[in-house]
Amino acid sequence: MPRTHPFFMPTDQAVADLRRRHKTANVLQSLLLLGGMVLLLALCGMILAGVEGVLWALLGGAVSLLFSPRLSPRMVLGMFGARRLTHAEAPVLFDALAVIARRAELPAVPELWYVASPALNAFAVGSRHQSAIAVTDGLLRALSLRELAGVLAHEVSHVRNNDLTVMGLADTVTSLTRLMSVFGMALLILNLPLLMMWQEGVPWLLVLLLIAAPWIGVLLQLALSRTREFDADLDAAHLTGDPEGVASALARIERLQHSPWEGLRFPGRRRAQNIPSLLRTHPDTEERVRRLMALRTPPPVLPGLDAHPLHARPHLAMPAALRRPRYRIGGYWY
């Protein structure tokens, strides 16, 4: 394939092997973490009602997944006050997203939505067949086109890998584990007088397991989230052919979010570096950048973007968002 071909992808064997090893490790880690969460749920069922409790726990999880409400992408985006962008407002972003979605072999190009907030954020909602990517005004004005392409590719990777479904499954299992833990503790409290009257010993080990189960489930879910983020980084590097561009976006967002000016704009917001790594939804930025730079290759040629300088910020037709961000339900700032 000639170097000038719009879908050129460097094929260095060492780089391809390294990415494949990272990808395999991430998939195995995700399966182990999900398996651990299901095992924890089954253990709670075993403590409460033996083998029958395990069956009921697994059945409850299956029913919850089948009948849990599915929020449409537009409903979720409406909660953030987002609106759909038009091609005229950010034509180069639409062109970049179309290229990335085509490379990812998605059935449809994700819709592009805009959140009028100076916060630096982007997120994806929906499924492979109906998805949308939202970007904030602050992100659009802070990053270059090359970096924005990396961010869009990262979100497209979440859609392609069904990460939204995987994390929904993890959230369901964690919620059921928490429910069974509360139910077990309530039964213990109600039966405690009878146990004392009959001078029966309290199974303290099982009590401790019931107390710890929800916390262990949350830690496993956070670890799963970090693993999926690593995987999305690798896929974004593959889709753009530009690991350095993805790494540059992550580094710039990290630097801007931790500047003294950001502390004044977002008073009271906890900074990521003050949160223990076990309690983060995203991996440490330095580690993400290190992994991406190990895949560094020559910059790609993207179709339809040749006339746009990759290191310049894209032209945007909408005015800058000037309203002050504030805290929202769920812990979000925008």
Protein backbone atom coordinates (compact mmCIF):
# COMPACT_ATOMS: atom_id res chain seq x y z
CA MET A 1 0.00 0.00 0.00
CA PRO A 2 1.58 3.34 -0.97
CA ARG A 3 2.53 5.77 1.76
CA THR A 4 0.21 8.42 0.30
CA HIS A 5 -2.85 6.20 0.50
CA PRO A 6 -5.46 7.86 2.79
CA PHE A 7 -5.83 4.68 4.83
CA PHE A 8 -2.11 4.12 5.25
CA MET A 9 -1.25 2.38 8.49
CA PRO A 10 2.35 1.73 9.51
CA THR A 11 2.91 -2.02 9.57
CA ASP A 12 6.09 -2.26 11.63
CA GLN A 13 5.99 -5.82 12.96
CA ALA A 14 7.43 -4.93 16.37
CA VAL A 15 4.78 -2.25 16.89
CA ALA A 16 2.01 -4.61 15.76
CA ASP A 17 3.24 -7.34 18.10
CA LEU A 18 3.44 -4.94 21.05
CA ARG A 19 -0.10 -3.69 20.45
CA ARG A 20 -1.36 -7.27 20.13
CA ARG A 21 0.24 -8.23 23.44
CA HIS A 22 -1.27 -5.21 25.19
CA LYS A 23 -4.67 -5.96 23.65
CA THR A 24 -4.60 -9.61 24.72
CA ALA A 25 -3.55 -8.69 28.26
CA ASN A 26 -6.36 -6.12 28.53
CA VAL A 27 -9.01 -8.56 27.29
CA LEU A 28 -7.86 -11.26 29.72
CA GLN A 29 -7.79 -8.78 32.58
CA SER A 30 -11.32 -7.61 31.74
CA LEU A 31 -12.60 -11.20 31.70
CA LEU A 32 -10.92 -11.95 35.03
CA LEU A 33 -12.35 -8.83 36.65
CA LEU A 34 -15.87 -9.52 35.37
CA GLY A 35 -15.52 -13.13 36.51
CA GLY A 36 -14.40 -11.94 39.93
CA MET A 37 -17.46 -9.69 40.23
CA VAL A 38 -19.82 -12.54 39.28
CA LEU A 39 -18.01 -14.84 41.73
CA LEU A 40 -18.45 -12.24 44.48
CA LEU A 41 -22.18 -12.08 43.73
CA ALA A 42 -22.40 -15.88 43.85
CA LEU A 43 -20.52 -15.90 47.18
CA CYS A 44 -23.09 -13.54 48.69
CA GLY A 45 -25.83 -15.86 47.49
CA MET A 46 -24.01 -18.84 49.02
CA ILE A 47 -23.72 -17.08 52.39
CA LEU A 48 -27.42 -16.22 52.42
CA ALA A 49 -29.00 -19.45 51.14
CA GLY A 50 -26.38 -21.98 50.06
CA VAL A 51 -26.42 -23.40 46.53
CA GLU A 52 -29.99 -22.22 46.04
CA GLY A 53 -28.84 -18.70 46.91
CA VAL A 54 -26.16 -18.88 44.21
CA LEU A 55 -28.76 -19.87 41.63
CA TRP A 56 -31.10 -17.08 42.71
CA ALA A 57 -28.26 -14.54 42.60
CA LEU A 58 -27.25 -15.52 39.07
CA LEU A 59 -30.89 -15.64 37.95
CA GLY A 60 -31.47 -12.19 39.43
CA GLY A 61 -28.48 -10.86 37.52
CA ALA A 62 -29.73 -12.31 34.24
CA VAL A 63 -33.24 -10.91 34.75
CA SER A 64 -31.84 -7.48 35.65
CA LEU A 65 -29.82 -7.38 32.46
CA LEU A 66 -32.76 -8.42 30.31
CA PHE A 67 -35.31 -6.03 31.78
CA SER A 68 -33.18 -3.12 32.99
CA PRO A 69 -34.29 0.18 31.43
CA ARG A 70 -32.27 1.30 28.42
CA LEU A 71 -31.81 5.04 28.24
CA SER A 72 -31.63 6.33 24.69
CA PRO A 73 -28.49 8.28 23.76
CA ARG A 74 -30.53 11.44 23.28
CA MET A 75 -31.99 11.16 26.78
CA VAL A 76 -28.54 10.84 28.33
CA LEU A 77 -27.23 13.75 26.28
CA GLY A 78 -30.23 15.82 27.32
CA MET A 79 -29.19 15.38 30.96
CA PHE A 80 -25.97 17.24 30.08
CA GLY A 81 -27.78 19.99 28.19
CA ALA A 82 -26.07 18.88 24.96
CA ARG A 83 -27.21 19.77 21.47
CA ARG A 84 -26.40 18.14 18.15
CA LEU A 85 -23.70 19.83 16.10
CA THR A 86 -24.22 20.65 12.45
CA HIS A 87 -21.60 19.98 9.80
CA ALA A 88 -21.28 23.72 9.14
CA GLU A 89 -20.27 24.39 12.75
CA ALA A 90 -17.29 22.01 12.80
CA PRO A 91 -16.79 20.49 9.33
CA VAL A 92 -13.29 19.14 9.94
CA LEU A 93 -14.46 17.27 13.07
CA PHE A 94 -17.24 15.60 11.09
CA ASP A 95 -14.74 14.59 8.41
CA ALA A 96 -12.34 13.16 11.01
CA LEU A 97 -15.12 11.27 12.80
CA ALA A 98 -16.35 9.78 9.52
CA VAL A 99 -12.85 8.49 8.71
CA ILE A 100 -12.38 7.02 12.19
CA ALA A 101 -15.82 5.37 12.23
CA ARG A 102 -15.15 3.85 8.81
CA ARG A 103 -11.82 2.47 9.97
CA ALA A 104 -13.54 1.05 13.07
CA GLU A 105 -16.10 -0.62 10.77
CA LEU A 106 -19.04 0.78 12.71
CA PRO A 107 -22.45 0.26 11.06
CA ALA A 108 -23.15 3.99 11.37
CA VAL A 109 -21.09 7.09 12.08
CA PRO A 110 -21.76 8.32 15.65
CA GLU A 111 -23.64 11.58 15.98
CA LEU A 112 -21.55 14.53 17.16
CA TRP A 113 -22.96 16.54 20.07
CA TYR A 114 -21.83 19.73 21.78
CA VAL A 115 -21.90 20.64 25.48
CA ALA A 116 -21.58 24.39 26.04
CA SER A 117 -19.18 24.12 28.97
CA PRO A 118 -15.56 25.22 29.45
CA ALA A 119 -14.82 21.88 31.15
CA LEU A 120 -12.47 19.51 29.30
CA ASN A 121 -14.50 16.39 28.61
CA ALA A 122 -15.76 13.99 25.96
CA PHE A 123 -17.92 10.88 26.30
CA ALA A 124 -19.77 8.34 24.20
CA VAL A 125 -23.27 6.94 24.65
CA GLY A 126 -25.32 4.29 22.88
CA SER A 127 -24.37 1.11 21.05
CA ARG A 128 -22.56 0.16 17.85
CA HIS A 129 -25.75 0.67 15.83
CA GLN A 130 -26.88 3.92 17.48
CA SER A 131 -24.23 5.99 19.19
CA ALA A 132 -23.27 9.58 19.85
CA ILE A 133 -20.14 11.35 21.01
CA ALA A 134 -20.37 14.55 23.04
CA VAL A 135 -17.53 17.05 23.33
CA THR A 136 -17.39 20.15 25.48
CA ASP A 137 -16.62 23.64 24.23
CA GLY A 138 -13.54 23.75 26.46
CA LEU A 139 -12.11 20.62 24.87
CA LEU A 140 -12.74 21.85 21.32
CA ARG A 141 -10.90 25.10 21.99
CA ALA A 142 -8.01 23.60 23.97
CA LEU A 143 -6.84 20.81 21.65
CA SER A 144 -5.36 20.76 18.17
CA LEU A 145 -7.02 18.86 15.34
CA ARG A 146 -4.50 16.04 15.75
CA GLU A 147 -5.34 15.74 19.45
CA LEU A 148 -9.09 15.99 18.87
CA ALA A 149 -8.85 13.16 16.33
CA GLY A 150 -7.23 11.06 19.07
CA VAL A 151 -10.02 11.89 21.51
CA LEU A 152 -12.71 11.03 18.95
CA ALA A 153 -10.94 7.76 18.15
CA HIS A 154 -10.80 6.93 21.86
CA GLU A 155 -14.57 7.39 22.18
CA VAL A 156 -15.23 5.46 18.96
CA SER A 157 -13.17 2.62 20.44
CA HIS A 158 -15.47 2.53 23.47
CA VAL A 159 -18.43 2.18 21.10
CA ARG A 160 -16.77 -0.47 18.93
CA ASN A 161 -15.64 -2.55 21.92
CA ASN A 162 -19.12 -2.41 23.50
CA ASP A 163 -17.54 -0.91 26.61
CA LEU A 164 -20.80 0.81 27.51
CA THR A 165 -22.54 -2.58 27.65
CA VAL A 166 -19.66 -4.17 29.57
CA MET A 167 -19.66 -1.42 32.18
CA GLY A 168 -23.45 -1.65 32.38
CA LEU A 169 -23.09 -5.35 33.15
CA ALA A 170 -20.48 -4.58 35.80
CA ASP A 171 -22.74 -1.94 37.35
CA THR A 172 -25.65 -4.40 37.48
CA VAL A 173 -23.53 -7.05 39.21
CA THR A 174 -22.19 -4.49 41.70
CA SER A 175 -25.71 -3.23 42.47
CA LEU A 176 -26.99 -6.77 43.05
CA THR A 177 -24.03 -7.54 45.31
CA ARG A 178 -24.79 -4.42 47.34
CA LEU A 179 -28.48 -5.36 47.55
CA MET A 180 -27.72 -8.89 48.75
CA SER A 181 -25.25 -7.55 51.29
CA VAL A 182 -27.85 -5.17 52.74
CA PHE A 183 -30.46 -7.95 52.75
CA GLY A 184 -28.08 -10.30 54.56
CA MET A 185 -27.17 -7.70 57.18
CA ALA A 186 -30.86 -6.92 57.75
CA LEU A 187 -31.59 -10.62 58.31
CA LEU A 188 -28.70 -10.82 60.77
CA ILE A 189 -29.91 -7.81 62.76
CA LEU A 190 -33.45 -9.19 62.90
CA ASN A 191 -32.24 -12.60 64.06
CA LEU A 192 -29.55 -11.36 66.45
CA PRO A 193 -31.85 -11.43 69.53
CA LEU A 194 -32.81 -15.05 68.76
CA LEU A 195 -29.17 -16.03 68.33
CA MET A 196 -28.32 -14.47 71.67
CA MET A 197 -31.33 -16.09 73.35
CA TRP A 198 -30.36 -19.53 72.06
CA GLN A 199 -26.71 -18.80 72.81
CA GLU A 200 -25.80 -19.48 69.21
CA GLY A 201 -22.49 -18.12 67.94
CA VAL A 202 -22.65 -15.32 65.38
CA PRO A 203 -20.80 -16.27 62.14
CA TRP A 204 -18.58 -13.20 62.24
CA LEU A 205 -16.48 -14.27 59.23
CA LEU A 206 -19.58 -14.42 57.06
CA VAL A 207 -20.73 -11.09 58.48
CA LEU A 208 -17.41 -9.51 57.53
CA LEU A 209 -17.68 -10.97 54.03
CA LEU A 210 -21.15 -9.49 53.60
CA ILE A 211 -19.92 -6.10 54.81
CA ALA A 212 -16.86 -6.14 52.56
CA ALA A 213 -18.55 -7.55 49.44
CA PRO A 214 -19.98 -4.25 48.10
CA TRP A 215 -16.65 -2.48 48.57
CA ILE A 216 -14.75 -5.28 46.86
CA GLY A 217 -17.27 -5.15 44.00
CA VAL A 218 -16.74 -1.41 43.56
CA LEU A 219 -12.95 -1.83 43.51
CA LEU A 220 -13.26 -4.55 40.86
CA GLN A 221 -15.58 -2.33 38.81
CA LEU A 222 -13.12 0.58 38.99
CA ALA A 223 -10.28 -1.73 37.95
CA LEU A 224 -12.38 -2.92 35.00
CA SER A 225 -13.01 0.70 33.98
CA ARG A 226 -9.28 1.45 34.02
CA THR A 227 -8.59 -1.63 31.90
CA ARG A 228 -11.19 -0.60 29.32
CA GLU A 229 -9.60 2.87 29.18
CA PHE A 230 -6.20 1.34 28.41
CA ASP A 231 -7.83 -0.72 25.67
CA ALA A 232 -9.55 2.34 24.17
CA ASP A 233 -6.20 4.16 24.12
CA LEU A 234 -4.59 1.34 22.15
CA ASP A 235 -7.48 1.15 19.69
CA ALA A 236 -7.45 4.93 19.25
CA ALA A 237 -3.77 4.76 18.36
CA HIS A 238 -4.56 2.03 15.84
CA LEU A 239 -7.51 3.88 14.29
CA THR A 240 -5.59 7.13 13.80
CA GLY A 241 -2.19 5.54 13.18
CA ASP A 242 -0.92 8.27 15.51
CA PRO A 243 -0.22 7.09 19.09
CA GLU A 244 1.71 10.29 19.74
CA GLY A 245 -1.36 12.38 18.92
CA VAL A 246 -3.50 10.43 21.40
CA ALA A 247 -0.76 10.74 24.03
CA SER A 248 -0.47 14.48 23.37
CA ALA A 249 -4.22 14.92 23.93
CA LEU A 250 -4.09 13.06 27.25
CA ALA A 251 -1.06 15.02 28.42
CA ARG A 252 -2.56 18.38 27.46
CA ILE A 253 -5.88 17.63 29.18
CA GLU A 254 -4.02 16.53 32.31
CA ARG A 255 -1.88 19.67 32.30
CA LEU A 256 -4.80 22.05 31.78
CA GLN A 257 -7.02 20.36 34.36
CA HIS A 258 -4.34 20.62 37.03
CA SER A 259 -3.33 24.21 36.38
CA PRO A 260 -3.89 26.83 39.14
CA TRP A 261 -6.40 28.58 36.86
CA GLU A 262 -8.53 25.43 36.70
CA GLY A 263 -8.56 25.33 40.50
CA LEU A 264 -10.16 28.77 40.49
CA ARG A 265 -12.67 27.87 37.77
CA PHE A 266 -13.70 24.59 39.47
CA PRO A 267 -13.61 25.34 43.21
CA GLY A 268 -14.14 22.32 45.42
CA ARG A 269 -13.52 19.75 42.71
CA ARG A 270 -11.26 16.91 43.81
CA ARG A 271 -8.18 16.57 41.67
CA ALA A 272 -7.33 13.17 40.26
CA GLN A 273 -3.82 13.14 41.71
CA ASN A 274 -5.34 13.42 45.21
CA ILE A 275 -7.41 10.26 44.69
CA PRO A 276 -5.78 6.86 45.36
CA SER A 277 -5.20 4.91 42.14
CA LEU A 278 -7.49 2.08 43.33
CA LEU A 279 -10.41 4.54 43.49
CA ARG A 280 -9.99 6.07 40.03
CA THR A 281 -12.12 5.27 37.01
CA HIS A 282 -9.24 6.19 34.68
CA PRO A 283 -5.62 5.01 34.80
CA ASP A 284 -2.75 7.33 35.64
CA THR A 285 -2.10 9.63 32.69
CA GLU A 286 1.67 9.11 32.79
CA GLU A 287 1.21 5.35 32.41
CA ARG A 288 -1.27 5.84 29.55
CA VAL A 289 1.16 8.16 27.76
CA ARG A 290 4.06 5.75 28.33
CA ARG A 291 2.15 2.86 26.74
CA LEU A 292 1.11 4.97 23.77
CA MET A 293 4.59 6.32 23.14
CA ALA A 294 5.86 2.74 22.96
CA LEU A 295 3.68 2.43 19.83
CA ARG A 296 4.92 5.68 18.29
CA THR A 297 4.94 5.69 14.49
CA PRO A 298 5.13 8.33 11.72
CA PRO A 299 2.04 10.60 11.60
CA PRO A 300 -0.79 9.36 9.37
CA VAL A 301 -2.39 10.83 6.30
CA LEU A 302 -6.11 11.30 6.96
CA PRO A 303 -8.46 11.62 3.97
CA GLY A 304 -10.18 14.95 3.60
CA LEU A 305 -7.97 16.57 6.24
CA ASP A 306 -4.88 17.27 4.14
CA ALA A 307 -5.72 20.97 3.87
CA HIS A 308 -6.05 21.37 7.64
CA PRO A 309 -2.89 21.75 9.76
CA LEU A 310 -2.97 18.89 12.26
CA HIS A 311 -1.24 20.96 14.95
CA ALA A 312 -3.68 23.88 14.66
CA ARG A 313 -7.03 24.15 16.41
CA PRO A 314 -10.04 23.48 14.13
CA HIS A 315 -12.28 26.31 12.99
CA LEU A 316 -15.55 26.39 14.99
CA ALA A 317 -18.64 28.35 13.98
CA MET A 318 -20.24 28.47 17.44
CA PRO A 319 -19.33 31.15 20.03
CA ALA A 320 -17.21 30.19 23.03
CA ALA A 321 -19.05 28.95 26.14
CA LEU A 322 -18.59 31.55 28.88
CA ARG A 323 -20.95 30.30 31.59
CA ARG A 324 -19.38 29.18 34.83
CA PRO A 325 -19.30 25.39 35.31
CA ARG A 326 -21.05 24.01 38.37
CA TYR A 327 -21.43 20.76 40.23
CA ARG A 328 -24.18 18.41 38.98
CA ILE A 329 -25.90 15.38 40.45
CA GLY A 330 -23.66 12.37 39.96
CA GLY A 331 -20.43 14.25 40.63
CA TYR A 332 -20.04 15.84 37.19
CA TRP A 333 -18.77 19.35 36.50
CA TYR A 334 -19.91 21.03 33.29
